[in-house]
Amino acid sequence: MQQEFSKRLILLRMKQQMTQEELAQKTGVTRQAISKWERAEGLPDLYNVQCLAKALGVSVDELIGQGTTFQESGIRGIYTKHLKYAIQE
């Protein structure tokens, strides 16, 4: 689950053309917290999941992948194209 959430977070952030710093500012957390979640080293609490979803313009269900698989979400192509860049960020 952590890995799947991490991928979704990276891709949704990139889809919005936001840096980790920009997303952190919009959600009231540190850039290091965003980085930790994107590296699948932890998961945000429910409050921060809600803040992330709002900042990324998606529902909480879409952010956590509830009811849809990663491939069905429409962001598979973005993942393939940008994963190497996203992990290095």
N, C-alpha and C. Protein backbone atom coordinates (compact mmCIF):
# COMPACT_ATOMS: atom_id res chain seq x y z
N MET A 1 0.81 -1.20 0.00
CA MET A 1 0.00 0.00 0.00
C MET A 1 0.86 1.26 0.00
N GLN A 2 1.94 1.26 0.80
CA GLN A 2 2.80 2.44 0.83
C GLN A 2 3.37 2.75 -0.54
N GLN A 3 3.82 1.73 -1.23
CA GLN A 3 4.42 1.94 -2.55
C GLN A 3 3.40 2.51 -3.52
N GLU A 4 2.19 1.98 -3.49
CA GLU A 4 1.13 2.46 -4.38
C GLU A 4 0.78 3.92 -4.07
N PHE A 5 0.66 4.24 -2.79
CA PHE A 5 0.36 5.62 -2.40
C PHE A 5 1.49 6.54 -2.85
N SER A 6 2.70 6.12 -2.66
CA SER A 6 3.87 6.90 -3.06
C SER A 6 3.83 7.24 -4.55
N LYS A 7 3.55 6.24 -5.37
CA LYS A 7 3.47 6.46 -6.82
C LYS A 7 2.36 7.45 -7.16
N ARG A 8 1.22 7.28 -6.54
CA ARG A 8 0.10 8.19 -6.81
C ARG A 8 0.45 9.62 -6.42
N LEU A 9 1.06 9.77 -5.27
CA LEU A 9 1.42 11.11 -4.80
C LEU A 9 2.39 11.78 -5.76
N ILE A 10 3.40 11.08 -6.17
CA ILE A 10 4.38 11.63 -7.13
C ILE A 10 3.68 12.06 -8.42
N LEU A 11 2.88 11.18 -8.95
CA LEU A 11 2.27 11.44 -10.25
C LEU A 11 1.22 12.54 -10.20
N LEU A 12 0.43 12.55 -9.17
CA LEU A 12 -0.56 13.61 -9.06
C LEU A 12 0.11 14.97 -8.85
N ARG A 13 1.20 14.99 -8.08
CA ARG A 13 1.95 16.25 -7.91
C ARG A 13 2.53 16.70 -9.23
N MET A 14 3.11 15.78 -9.97
CA MET A 14 3.71 16.13 -11.26
C MET A 14 2.64 16.57 -12.26
N LYS A 15 1.49 15.93 -12.21
CA LYS A 15 0.38 16.31 -13.09
C LYS A 15 -0.02 17.77 -12.85
N GLN A 16 0.07 18.20 -11.62
CA GLN A 16 -0.24 19.60 -11.26
C GLN A 16 0.97 20.52 -11.47
N GLN A 17 2.08 19.96 -11.91
CA GLN A 17 3.32 20.69 -12.15
C GLN A 17 3.77 21.44 -10.89
N MET A 18 3.73 20.73 -9.77
CA MET A 18 4.13 21.30 -8.49
C MET A 18 5.43 20.66 -8.03
N THR A 19 6.24 21.44 -7.37
CA THR A 19 7.42 20.90 -6.72
C THR A 19 7.01 20.34 -5.36
N GLN A 20 7.90 19.60 -4.75
CA GLN A 20 7.63 19.13 -3.40
C GLN A 20 7.44 20.32 -2.46
N GLU A 21 8.24 21.33 -2.63
CA GLU A 21 8.14 22.53 -1.78
C GLU A 21 6.78 23.21 -1.93
N GLU A 22 6.30 23.34 -3.16
CA GLU A 22 5.00 23.98 -3.39
C GLU A 22 3.86 23.16 -2.76
N LEU A 23 3.92 21.85 -2.91
CA LEU A 23 2.90 21.01 -2.31
C LEU A 23 2.96 21.09 -0.79
N ALA A 24 4.15 21.12 -0.26
CA ALA A 24 4.32 21.24 1.19
C ALA A 24 3.69 22.54 1.70
N GLN A 25 3.93 23.63 1.00
CA GLN A 25 3.36 24.92 1.42
C GLN A 25 1.84 24.88 1.36
N LYS A 26 1.29 24.27 0.34
CA LYS A 26 -0.17 24.21 0.20
C LYS A 26 -0.83 23.33 1.24
N THR A 27 -0.08 22.39 1.78
CA THR A 27 -0.66 21.45 2.74
C THR A 27 -0.23 21.70 4.18
N GLY A 28 0.70 22.61 4.38
CA GLY A 28 1.13 22.94 5.74
C GLY A 28 2.07 21.93 6.37
N VAL A 29 2.78 21.20 5.53
CA VAL A 29 3.79 20.26 6.04
C VAL A 29 5.14 20.66 5.47
N THR A 30 6.18 19.98 5.87
CA THR A 30 7.52 20.28 5.35
C THR A 30 7.76 19.56 4.03
N ARG A 31 8.73 20.06 3.28
CA ARG A 31 9.14 19.40 2.05
C ARG A 31 9.67 18.01 2.37
N GLN A 32 10.31 17.88 3.52
CA GLN A 32 10.85 16.59 3.93
C GLN A 32 9.74 15.56 4.15
N ALA A 33 8.59 16.01 4.65
CA ALA A 33 7.45 15.09 4.83
C ALA A 33 6.96 14.60 3.47
N ILE A 34 6.83 15.53 2.51
CA ILE A 34 6.40 15.13 1.16
C ILE A 34 7.40 14.13 0.59
N SER A 35 8.67 14.42 0.72
CA SER A 35 9.72 13.54 0.21
C SER A 35 9.64 12.16 0.86
N LYS A 36 9.44 12.12 2.16
CA LYS A 36 9.32 10.85 2.89
C LYS A 36 8.15 10.02 2.35
N TRP A 37 7.01 10.66 2.14
CA TRP A 37 5.84 9.94 1.63
C TRP A 37 6.07 9.47 0.20
N GLU A 38 6.76 10.29 -0.61
CA GLU A 38 7.03 9.91 -1.99
C GLU A 38 8.05 8.79 -2.08
N ARG A 39 8.91 8.66 -1.09
CA ARG A 39 9.89 7.56 -1.06
C ARG A 39 9.32 6.31 -0.38
N ALA A 40 8.04 6.36 -0.01
CA ALA A 40 7.35 5.24 0.65
C ALA A 40 8.02 4.87 1.97
N GLU A 41 8.49 5.88 2.68
CA GLU A 41 9.09 5.64 4.00
C GLU A 41 8.11 5.91 5.12
N GLY A 42 6.89 6.17 4.77
CA GLY A 42 5.84 6.42 5.75
C GLY A 42 4.58 6.86 5.03
N LEU A 43 3.50 6.97 5.78
CA LEU A 43 2.23 7.41 5.21
C LEU A 43 1.72 8.61 6.00
N PRO A 44 1.07 9.55 5.34
CA PRO A 44 0.50 10.69 6.06
C PRO A 44 -0.70 10.26 6.90
N ASP A 45 -0.98 11.03 7.94
CA ASP A 45 -2.19 10.74 8.72
C ASP A 45 -3.41 11.20 7.93
N LEU A 46 -4.59 10.89 8.44
CA LEU A 46 -5.83 11.18 7.71
C LEU A 46 -5.99 12.66 7.42
N TYR A 47 -5.66 13.52 8.37
CA TYR A 47 -5.77 14.96 8.15
C TYR A 47 -4.90 15.39 6.97
N ASN A 48 -3.67 14.90 6.94
CA ASN A 48 -2.76 15.28 5.84
C ASN A 48 -3.18 14.66 4.51
N VAL A 49 -3.80 13.48 4.54
CA VAL A 49 -4.33 12.90 3.30
C VAL A 49 -5.40 13.82 2.73
N GLN A 50 -6.26 14.34 3.60
CA GLN A 50 -7.30 15.27 3.15
C GLN A 50 -6.68 16.54 2.57
N CYS A 51 -5.67 17.06 3.24
CA CYS A 51 -4.99 18.28 2.75
C CYS A 51 -4.30 18.03 1.41
N LEU A 52 -3.65 16.89 1.28
CA LEU A 52 -2.99 16.54 0.02
C LEU A 52 -4.00 16.43 -1.12
N ALA A 53 -5.10 15.74 -0.87
CA ALA A 53 -6.13 15.57 -1.90
C ALA A 53 -6.65 16.92 -2.36
N LYS A 54 -6.93 17.79 -1.42
CA LYS A 54 -7.44 19.13 -1.76
C LYS A 54 -6.41 19.90 -2.59
N ALA A 55 -5.16 19.88 -2.16
CA ALA A 55 -4.11 20.61 -2.87
C ALA A 55 -3.87 20.06 -4.28
N LEU A 56 -4.08 18.77 -4.45
CA LEU A 56 -3.85 18.13 -5.74
C LEU A 56 -5.10 18.11 -6.62
N GLY A 57 -6.21 18.57 -6.09
CA GLY A 57 -7.44 18.65 -6.87
C GLY A 57 -8.09 17.30 -7.15
N VAL A 58 -7.94 16.37 -6.21
CA VAL A 58 -8.53 15.05 -6.37
C VAL A 58 -9.29 14.69 -5.09
N SER A 59 -10.07 13.63 -5.18
CA SER A 59 -10.75 13.14 -3.98
C SER A 59 -9.77 12.32 -3.14
N VAL A 60 -10.11 12.14 -1.89
CA VAL A 60 -9.30 11.28 -1.03
C VAL A 60 -9.27 9.87 -1.62
N ASP A 61 -10.41 9.40 -2.10
CA ASP A 61 -10.47 8.07 -2.71
C ASP A 61 -9.49 7.94 -3.87
N GLU A 62 -9.43 8.96 -4.71
CA GLU A 62 -8.51 8.91 -5.85
C GLU A 62 -7.06 8.92 -5.37
N LEU A 63 -6.77 9.73 -4.37
CA LEU A 63 -5.40 9.81 -3.86
C LEU A 63 -4.95 8.48 -3.27
N ILE A 64 -5.81 7.83 -2.52
CA ILE A 64 -5.40 6.57 -1.89
C ILE A 64 -5.66 5.36 -2.78
N GLY A 65 -6.31 5.58 -3.92
CA GLY A 65 -6.52 4.50 -4.87
C GLY A 65 -7.69 3.61 -4.53
N GLN A 66 -8.60 4.11 -3.73
CA GLN A 66 -9.76 3.32 -3.35
C GLN A 66 -10.70 3.14 -4.55
N GLY A 67 -11.02 1.90 -4.87
CA GLY A 67 -11.99 1.62 -5.92
C GLY A 67 -11.43 1.67 -7.33
N THR A 68 -10.13 1.89 -7.47
CA THR A 68 -9.53 1.89 -8.80
C THR A 68 -8.11 1.38 -8.69
N THR A 69 -7.64 0.73 -9.72
CA THR A 69 -6.25 0.30 -9.71
C THR A 69 -5.40 1.41 -10.26
N PHE A 70 -4.11 1.30 -10.05
CA PHE A 70 -3.18 2.32 -10.53
C PHE A 70 -3.30 2.49 -12.04
N GLN A 71 -3.39 1.39 -12.77
CA GLN A 71 -3.48 1.49 -14.23
C GLN A 71 -4.79 2.12 -14.68
N GLU A 72 -5.88 1.86 -13.97
CA GLU A 72 -7.17 2.41 -14.35
C GLU A 72 -7.27 3.90 -14.06
N SER A 73 -6.37 4.43 -13.26
CA SER A 73 -6.49 5.80 -12.80
C SER A 73 -6.18 6.84 -13.87
N GLY A 74 -5.63 6.44 -15.01
CA GLY A 74 -5.34 7.39 -16.07
C GLY A 74 -4.00 8.09 -15.92
N ILE A 75 -3.19 7.67 -14.94
CA ILE A 75 -1.90 8.33 -14.76
C ILE A 75 -0.74 7.37 -15.04
N ARG A 76 -1.03 6.21 -15.56
CA ARG A 76 0.01 5.21 -15.85
C ARG A 76 1.07 5.78 -16.80
N GLY A 77 0.65 6.46 -17.85
CA GLY A 77 1.61 7.01 -18.82
C GLY A 77 2.49 8.07 -18.21
N ILE A 78 1.93 8.88 -17.33
CA ILE A 78 2.72 9.91 -16.66
C ILE A 78 3.77 9.23 -15.78
N TYR A 79 3.38 8.16 -15.09
CA TYR A 79 4.29 7.42 -14.24
C TYR A 79 5.48 6.91 -15.04
N THR A 80 5.20 6.26 -16.14
CA THR A 80 6.25 5.69 -16.96
C THR A 80 7.20 6.77 -17.46
N LYS A 81 6.66 7.90 -17.87
CA LYS A 81 7.46 8.97 -18.45
C LYS A 81 8.31 9.69 -17.41
N HIS A 82 7.80 9.85 -16.18
CA HIS A 82 8.46 10.73 -15.23
C HIS A 82 9.02 10.06 -13.98
N LEU A 83 8.89 8.76 -13.84
CA LEU A 83 9.31 8.13 -12.59
C LEU A 83 10.78 8.36 -12.28
N LYS A 84 11.64 8.19 -13.26
CA LYS A 84 13.06 8.36 -13.00
C LYS A 84 13.34 9.75 -12.47
N TYR A 85 12.75 10.77 -13.07
CA TYR A 85 12.92 12.15 -12.61
C TYR A 85 12.35 12.33 -11.21
N ALA A 86 11.16 11.80 -10.98
CA ALA A 86 10.49 11.98 -9.70
C ALA A 86 11.28 11.39 -8.55
N ILE A 87 11.86 10.24 -8.75
CA ILE A 87 12.60 9.58 -7.69
C ILE A 87 13.88 10.35 -7.38
N GLN A 88 14.48 10.98 -8.36
CA GLN A 88 15.70 11.73 -8.15
C GLN A 88 15.45 13.07 -7.47
N GLU A 89 14.23 13.58 -7.54
CA GLU A 89 13.92 14.90 -7.01
C GLU A 89 14.10 15.00 -5.53
